[in-house]
Amino acid sequence: MFWSRKPKITKPQALAAKPLQLAKCTVTEAPDGGAQLKVPIQPSRIAGRLFRVPEGTTKTFELEAIGYSVWKQCDGKTSVQQIIRRLSKQYNISLREMEVSTVAFLQTLVRKGLIGMAMPDASPDKE
């Protein structure tokens, strides 16, 4: 049995990564600064054969104000470190606290398939 091994990513590489929104969703902003993300459900090939998903079915994600602020900055240009610094300054929270919570939130968004991470080029032979 083969085990796929994920490459080791250093902390500086992780903080230099640039999150990018993957899901095409409808955003409804809430009065409290948060938002609802409605993502169309597309069943996998196997699930599509077993289950019939009605046309227009969506999954809704509720984001509070800080989470929505993170979501808006997932543009593929802004690094994780930049997001952390902006939020730390905006909400007057220590960098360490903001780093822990932001990284955990971004990992959740990755697991849910809402964002991907563009990793910096780690090769030293870049010309």
N, C-alpha and C. Protein backbone atom coordinates (compact mmCIF):
# COMPACT_ATOMS: atom_id res chain seq x y z
N MET A 1 0.84 -1.18 0.00
CA MET A 1 0.00 0.00 0.00
C MET A 1 0.89 1.24 0.00
N PHE A 2 0.55 2.20 -0.85
CA PHE A 2 1.35 3.42 -0.95
C PHE A 2 0.71 4.53 -0.11
N TRP A 3 1.56 5.24 0.56
CA TRP A 3 1.10 6.37 1.35
C TRP A 3 1.64 7.63 0.69
N SER A 4 0.74 8.53 0.40
CA SER A 4 1.22 9.79 -0.17
C SER A 4 1.67 10.68 0.96
N ARG A 5 2.85 11.20 0.81
CA ARG A 5 3.40 12.08 1.83
C ARG A 5 3.32 13.51 1.35
N LYS A 6 2.75 14.34 2.19
CA LYS A 6 2.68 15.75 1.86
C LYS A 6 4.04 16.37 2.12
N PRO A 7 4.45 17.27 1.26
CA PRO A 7 5.75 17.91 1.49
C PRO A 7 5.69 18.75 2.77
N LYS A 8 6.80 18.79 3.48
CA LYS A 8 6.88 19.59 4.69
C LYS A 8 6.90 21.07 4.31
N ILE A 9 6.07 21.83 4.99
CA ILE A 9 6.00 23.26 4.73
C ILE A 9 6.48 23.97 5.99
N THR A 10 7.41 24.87 5.81
CA THR A 10 7.93 25.62 6.94
C THR A 10 6.95 26.73 7.31
N LYS A 11 7.09 27.24 8.52
CA LYS A 11 6.22 28.33 8.96
C LYS A 11 6.36 29.57 8.06
N PRO A 12 7.58 29.99 7.71
CA PRO A 12 7.69 31.14 6.80
C PRO A 12 7.01 30.90 5.45
N GLN A 13 7.10 29.67 4.93
CA GLN A 13 6.43 29.36 3.66
C GLN A 13 4.91 29.44 3.83
N ALA A 14 4.41 28.92 4.94
CA ALA A 14 2.96 28.95 5.19
C ALA A 14 2.46 30.38 5.32
N LEU A 15 3.22 31.23 5.99
CA LEU A 15 2.81 32.62 6.16
C LEU A 15 2.96 33.43 4.87
N ALA A 16 3.82 32.97 3.96
CA ALA A 16 3.99 33.64 2.68
C ALA A 16 2.96 33.17 1.64
N ALA A 17 2.24 32.09 1.95
CA ALA A 17 1.23 31.57 1.03
C ALA A 17 0.15 32.61 0.79
N LYS A 18 -0.45 32.55 -0.39
CA LYS A 18 -1.48 33.52 -0.76
C LYS A 18 -2.80 32.79 -1.00
N PRO A 19 -3.75 32.95 -0.06
CA PRO A 19 -5.04 32.28 -0.22
C PRO A 19 -5.85 32.86 -1.37
N LEU A 20 -6.58 31.97 -2.04
CA LEU A 20 -7.37 32.35 -3.21
C LEU A 20 -8.74 31.69 -3.12
N GLN A 21 -9.80 32.47 -3.31
CA GLN A 21 -11.16 31.92 -3.28
C GLN A 21 -11.33 30.97 -4.46
N LEU A 22 -11.81 29.76 -4.16
CA LEU A 22 -12.04 28.76 -5.21
C LEU A 22 -13.52 28.64 -5.54
N ALA A 23 -14.34 28.76 -4.52
CA ALA A 23 -15.77 28.53 -4.70
C ALA A 23 -16.44 29.75 -5.34
N LYS A 24 -17.26 29.48 -6.33
CA LYS A 24 -18.10 30.52 -6.91
C LYS A 24 -19.33 30.59 -6.02
N CYS A 25 -19.46 31.69 -5.30
CA CYS A 25 -20.55 31.76 -4.35
C CYS A 25 -21.26 33.10 -4.42
N THR A 26 -22.45 33.11 -3.83
CA THR A 26 -23.22 34.33 -3.70
C THR A 26 -23.01 34.83 -2.28
N VAL A 27 -22.63 36.08 -2.13
CA VAL A 27 -22.36 36.65 -0.82
C VAL A 27 -23.49 37.60 -0.43
N THR A 28 -24.04 37.38 0.77
CA THR A 28 -25.05 38.28 1.32
C THR A 28 -24.48 38.85 2.60
N GLU A 29 -24.21 40.15 2.59
CA GLU A 29 -23.62 40.78 3.77
C GLU A 29 -24.68 40.99 4.84
N ALA A 30 -24.26 40.82 6.10
CA ALA A 30 -25.14 41.00 7.25
C ALA A 30 -24.89 42.37 7.87
N PRO A 31 -25.87 42.91 8.59
CA PRO A 31 -25.70 44.22 9.21
C PRO A 31 -24.58 44.28 10.26
N ASP A 32 -24.23 43.13 10.86
CA ASP A 32 -23.20 43.10 11.90
C ASP A 32 -21.79 43.02 11.33
N GLY A 33 -21.64 43.07 10.00
CA GLY A 33 -20.32 43.01 9.37
C GLY A 33 -19.96 41.63 8.88
N GLY A 34 -20.75 40.64 9.23
CA GLY A 34 -20.52 39.27 8.77
C GLY A 34 -21.16 39.07 7.40
N ALA A 35 -21.26 37.81 7.00
CA ALA A 35 -21.86 37.51 5.70
C ALA A 35 -22.27 36.04 5.62
N GLN A 36 -23.13 35.76 4.67
CA GLN A 36 -23.50 34.39 4.31
C GLN A 36 -22.93 34.11 2.94
N LEU A 37 -22.25 32.96 2.82
CA LEU A 37 -21.75 32.52 1.53
C LEU A 37 -22.62 31.36 1.08
N LYS A 38 -23.23 31.46 -0.08
CA LYS A 38 -24.03 30.37 -0.63
C LYS A 38 -23.28 29.78 -1.80
N VAL A 39 -22.89 28.51 -1.64
CA VAL A 39 -22.08 27.82 -2.63
C VAL A 39 -22.92 26.74 -3.30
N PRO A 40 -22.97 26.72 -4.64
CA PRO A 40 -23.72 25.67 -5.33
C PRO A 40 -23.10 24.29 -5.06
N ILE A 41 -23.96 23.32 -4.83
CA ILE A 41 -23.49 21.95 -4.57
C ILE A 41 -23.39 21.21 -5.90
N GLN A 42 -22.21 20.66 -6.14
CA GLN A 42 -21.99 19.84 -7.32
C GLN A 42 -21.54 18.47 -6.82
N PRO A 43 -22.40 17.46 -6.94
CA PRO A 43 -22.04 16.14 -6.44
C PRO A 43 -20.85 15.55 -7.19
N SER A 44 -20.08 14.75 -6.47
CA SER A 44 -18.97 14.05 -7.12
C SER A 44 -19.53 13.06 -8.12
N ARG A 45 -18.66 12.51 -8.92
CA ARG A 45 -19.10 11.58 -9.97
C ARG A 45 -19.87 10.39 -9.38
N ILE A 46 -19.36 9.82 -8.31
CA ILE A 46 -20.02 8.66 -7.69
C ILE A 46 -21.32 9.09 -7.01
N ALA A 47 -21.28 10.16 -6.25
CA ALA A 47 -22.49 10.63 -5.57
C ALA A 47 -23.56 11.03 -6.58
N GLY A 48 -23.14 11.57 -7.72
CA GLY A 48 -24.09 11.96 -8.75
C GLY A 48 -24.85 10.78 -9.31
N ARG A 49 -24.22 9.62 -9.29
CA ARG A 49 -24.89 8.41 -9.78
C ARG A 49 -25.81 7.82 -8.73
N LEU A 50 -25.45 7.99 -7.46
CA LEU A 50 -26.24 7.40 -6.37
C LEU A 50 -27.38 8.29 -5.90
N PHE A 51 -27.14 9.58 -5.88
CA PHE A 51 -28.12 10.52 -5.35
C PHE A 51 -28.47 11.56 -6.40
N ARG A 52 -29.67 11.98 -6.37
CA ARG A 52 -30.10 13.03 -7.29
C ARG A 52 -30.14 14.35 -6.53
N VAL A 53 -29.30 15.27 -6.92
CA VAL A 53 -29.25 16.58 -6.27
C VAL A 53 -30.08 17.54 -7.11
N PRO A 54 -31.10 18.15 -6.49
CA PRO A 54 -31.93 19.08 -7.25
C PRO A 54 -31.11 20.26 -7.79
N GLU A 55 -31.50 20.73 -8.95
CA GLU A 55 -30.85 21.88 -9.59
C GLU A 55 -30.95 23.09 -8.66
N GLY A 56 -29.86 23.82 -8.53
CA GLY A 56 -29.86 25.04 -7.73
C GLY A 56 -29.65 24.82 -6.24
N THR A 57 -29.29 23.60 -5.83
CA THR A 57 -29.05 23.33 -4.41
C THR A 57 -27.75 24.02 -3.98
N THR A 58 -27.80 24.65 -2.82
CA THR A 58 -26.63 25.36 -2.31
C THR A 58 -26.33 24.94 -0.88
N LYS A 59 -25.12 25.23 -0.47
CA LYS A 59 -24.70 25.05 0.92
C LYS A 59 -24.36 26.44 1.43
N THR A 60 -24.82 26.76 2.63
CA THR A 60 -24.61 28.10 3.18
C THR A 60 -23.58 28.06 4.30
N PHE A 61 -22.65 29.01 4.25
CA PHE A 61 -21.64 29.18 5.29
C PHE A 61 -21.86 30.54 5.92
N GLU A 62 -21.94 30.58 7.25
CA GLU A 62 -22.11 31.84 7.98
C GLU A 62 -20.74 32.31 8.45
N LEU A 63 -20.39 33.55 8.13
CA LEU A 63 -19.13 34.13 8.58
C LEU A 63 -19.41 35.33 9.46
N GLU A 64 -18.70 35.42 10.59
CA GLU A 64 -18.82 36.61 11.41
C GLU A 64 -17.91 37.69 10.81
N ALA A 65 -17.86 38.86 11.43
CA ALA A 65 -17.18 40.01 10.82
C ALA A 65 -15.70 39.74 10.51
N ILE A 66 -14.95 39.18 11.44
CA ILE A 66 -13.53 38.93 11.20
C ILE A 66 -13.35 37.86 10.12
N GLY A 67 -14.16 36.82 10.18
CA GLY A 67 -14.09 35.77 9.17
C GLY A 67 -14.39 36.30 7.78
N TYR A 68 -15.37 37.19 7.69
CA TYR A 68 -15.70 37.77 6.39
C TYR A 68 -14.57 38.68 5.90
N SER A 69 -13.93 39.37 6.83
CA SER A 69 -12.79 40.22 6.47
C SER A 69 -11.66 39.35 5.90
N VAL A 70 -11.42 38.20 6.52
CA VAL A 70 -10.40 37.27 6.01
C VAL A 70 -10.81 36.79 4.62
N TRP A 71 -12.06 36.38 4.46
CA TRP A 71 -12.56 35.88 3.18
C TRP A 71 -12.33 36.89 2.05
N LYS A 72 -12.63 38.16 2.31
CA LYS A 72 -12.49 39.19 1.28
C LYS A 72 -11.03 39.38 0.86
N GLN A 73 -10.11 39.07 1.76
CA GLN A 73 -8.68 39.25 1.45
C GLN A 73 -8.06 38.03 0.76
N CYS A 74 -8.84 36.98 0.57
CA CYS A 74 -8.35 35.77 -0.12
C CYS A 74 -8.44 36.02 -1.63
N ASP A 75 -7.51 36.82 -2.14
CA ASP A 75 -7.55 37.24 -3.53
C ASP A 75 -6.40 36.68 -4.37
N GLY A 76 -5.56 35.86 -3.76
CA GLY A 76 -4.42 35.30 -4.49
C GLY A 76 -3.24 36.25 -4.57
N LYS A 77 -3.38 37.45 -4.04
CA LYS A 77 -2.31 38.45 -4.06
C LYS A 77 -1.81 38.77 -2.66
N THR A 78 -2.69 38.64 -1.67
CA THR A 78 -2.38 39.00 -0.29
C THR A 78 -1.90 37.76 0.46
N SER A 79 -0.75 37.86 1.10
CA SER A 79 -0.21 36.70 1.83
C SER A 79 -0.93 36.54 3.18
N VAL A 80 -0.78 35.35 3.74
CA VAL A 80 -1.36 35.07 5.05
C VAL A 80 -0.79 36.06 6.07
N GLN A 81 0.51 36.31 6.00
CA GLN A 81 1.16 37.25 6.93
C GLN A 81 0.54 38.65 6.82
N GLN A 82 0.28 39.11 5.61
CA GLN A 82 -0.33 40.43 5.42
C GLN A 82 -1.73 40.48 6.01
N ILE A 83 -2.49 39.41 5.82
CA ILE A 83 -3.85 39.34 6.38
C ILE A 83 -3.78 39.43 7.90
N ILE A 84 -2.87 38.67 8.49
CA ILE A 84 -2.72 38.67 9.96
C ILE A 84 -2.37 40.06 10.47
N ARG A 85 -1.43 40.71 9.82
CA ARG A 85 -1.01 42.05 10.26
C ARG A 85 -2.15 43.06 10.15
N ARG A 86 -2.88 43.02 9.04
CA ARG A 86 -4.00 43.95 8.86
C ARG A 86 -5.06 43.75 9.94
N LEU A 87 -5.42 42.49 10.17
CA LEU A 87 -6.46 42.20 11.15
C LEU A 87 -6.01 42.55 12.57
N SER A 88 -4.75 42.28 12.88
CA SER A 88 -4.21 42.59 14.19
C SER A 88 -4.31 44.08 14.47
N LYS A 89 -3.96 44.86 13.46
CA LYS A 89 -4.02 46.32 13.61
C LYS A 89 -5.47 46.80 13.68
N GLN A 90 -6.32 46.28 12.80
CA GLN A 90 -7.71 46.72 12.72
C GLN A 90 -8.49 46.40 14.00
N TYR A 91 -8.28 45.21 14.57
CA TYR A 91 -9.05 44.78 15.74
C TYR A 91 -8.27 44.91 17.05
N ASN A 92 -7.05 45.47 16.99
CA ASN A 92 -6.22 45.67 18.17
C ASN A 92 -6.04 44.36 18.97
N ILE A 93 -5.63 43.32 18.26
CA ILE A 93 -5.36 42.00 18.85
C ILE A 93 -3.90 41.69 18.58
N SER A 94 -3.25 41.03 19.55
CA SER A 94 -1.82 40.74 19.38
C SER A 94 -1.59 39.90 18.12
N LEU A 95 -0.42 40.07 17.52
CA LEU A 95 -0.08 39.33 16.30
C LEU A 95 -0.16 37.83 16.53
N ARG A 96 0.33 37.36 17.66
CA ARG A 96 0.33 35.91 17.94
C ARG A 96 -1.10 35.36 18.01
N GLU A 97 -1.97 36.05 18.75
CA GLU A 97 -3.37 35.60 18.84
C GLU A 97 -4.03 35.60 17.48
N MET A 98 -3.79 36.66 16.72
CA MET A 98 -4.40 36.76 15.40
C MET A 98 -3.84 35.70 14.46
N GLU A 99 -2.55 35.39 14.58
CA GLU A 99 -1.95 34.36 13.74
C GLU A 99 -2.60 33.00 14.00
N VAL A 100 -2.73 32.64 15.26
CA VAL A 100 -3.30 31.33 15.62
C VAL A 100 -4.72 31.20 15.08
N SER A 101 -5.55 32.21 15.34
CA SER A 101 -6.95 32.11 14.92
C SER A 101 -7.11 32.21 13.40
N THR A 102 -6.33 33.05 12.75
CA THR A 102 -6.44 33.21 11.30
C THR A 102 -5.97 31.96 10.57
N VAL A 103 -4.86 31.39 10.99
CA VAL A 103 -4.35 30.17 10.36
C VAL A 103 -5.36 29.03 10.53
N ALA A 104 -5.94 28.90 11.72
CA ALA A 104 -6.94 27.85 11.95
C ALA A 104 -8.16 28.06 11.05
N PHE A 105 -8.60 29.31 10.92
CA PHE A 105 -9.75 29.62 10.07
C PHE A 105 -9.45 29.32 8.61
N LEU A 106 -8.27 29.71 8.14
CA LEU A 106 -7.89 29.44 6.76
C LEU A 106 -7.81 27.93 6.49
N GLN A 107 -7.33 27.16 7.46
CA GLN A 107 -7.28 25.70 7.30
C GLN A 107 -8.70 25.15 7.16
N THR A 108 -9.64 25.70 7.91
CA THR A 108 -11.03 25.27 7.80
C THR A 108 -11.58 25.58 6.41
N LEU A 109 -11.29 26.78 5.91
CA LEU A 109 -11.76 27.15 4.57
C LEU A 109 -11.17 26.23 3.50
N VAL A 110 -9.91 25.84 3.68
CA VAL A 110 -9.27 24.91 2.73
C VAL A 110 -9.98 23.56 2.79
N ARG A 111 -10.22 23.03 3.99
CA ARG A 111 -10.90 21.74 4.14
C ARG A 111 -12.29 21.75 3.52
N LYS A 112 -12.98 22.88 3.61
CA LYS A 112 -14.33 22.99 3.05
C LYS A 112 -14.31 23.21 1.54
N GLY A 113 -13.11 23.41 0.97
CA GLY A 113 -13.00 23.61 -0.47
C GLY A 113 -13.35 25.02 -0.92
N LEU A 114 -13.35 25.98 0.01
CA LEU A 114 -13.70 27.34 -0.34
C LEU A 114 -12.51 28.15 -0.83
N ILE A 115 -11.31 27.80 -0.36
CA ILE A 115 -10.10 28.49 -0.80
C ILE A 115 -9.00 27.48 -1.09
N GLY A 116 -8.02 27.95 -1.85
CA GLY A 116 -6.79 27.19 -2.08
C GLY A 116 -5.63 28.10 -1.68
N MET A 117 -4.46 27.51 -1.54
CA MET A 117 -3.29 28.29 -1.14
C MET A 117 -2.24 28.25 -2.23
N ALA A 118 -1.84 29.41 -2.72
CA ALA A 118 -0.74 29.51 -3.67
C ALA A 118 0.54 29.60 -2.84
N MET A 119 1.35 28.56 -2.92
CA MET A 119 2.57 28.50 -2.13
C MET A 119 3.70 29.23 -2.86
N PRO A 120 4.58 29.87 -2.09
CA PRO A 120 5.72 30.54 -2.73
C PRO A 120 6.66 29.50 -3.33
N ASP A 121 7.37 29.89 -4.36
CA ASP A 121 8.32 28.99 -5.00
C ASP A 121 9.46 28.71 -4.03
N ALA A 122 9.63 27.44 -3.65
CA ALA A 122 10.65 27.08 -2.67
C ALA A 122 11.97 26.69 -3.32
N SER A 123 12.04 26.67 -4.64
CA SER A 123 13.27 26.25 -5.29
C SER A 123 14.32 27.36 -5.23
N PRO A 124 15.55 27.02 -4.81
CA PRO A 124 16.59 28.02 -4.69
C PRO A 124 17.18 28.44 -6.04
N ASP A 125 16.92 27.68 -7.10
CA ASP A 125 17.50 27.95 -8.40
C ASP A 125 16.63 28.83 -9.28
N LYS A 126 15.93 29.76 -8.69
CA LYS A 126 15.05 30.63 -9.47
C LYS A 126 15.90 31.68 -10.18
N GLU A 127 15.73 31.75 -11.49
CA GLU A 127 16.54 32.71 -12.27
C GLU A 127 15.68 33.80 -12.82
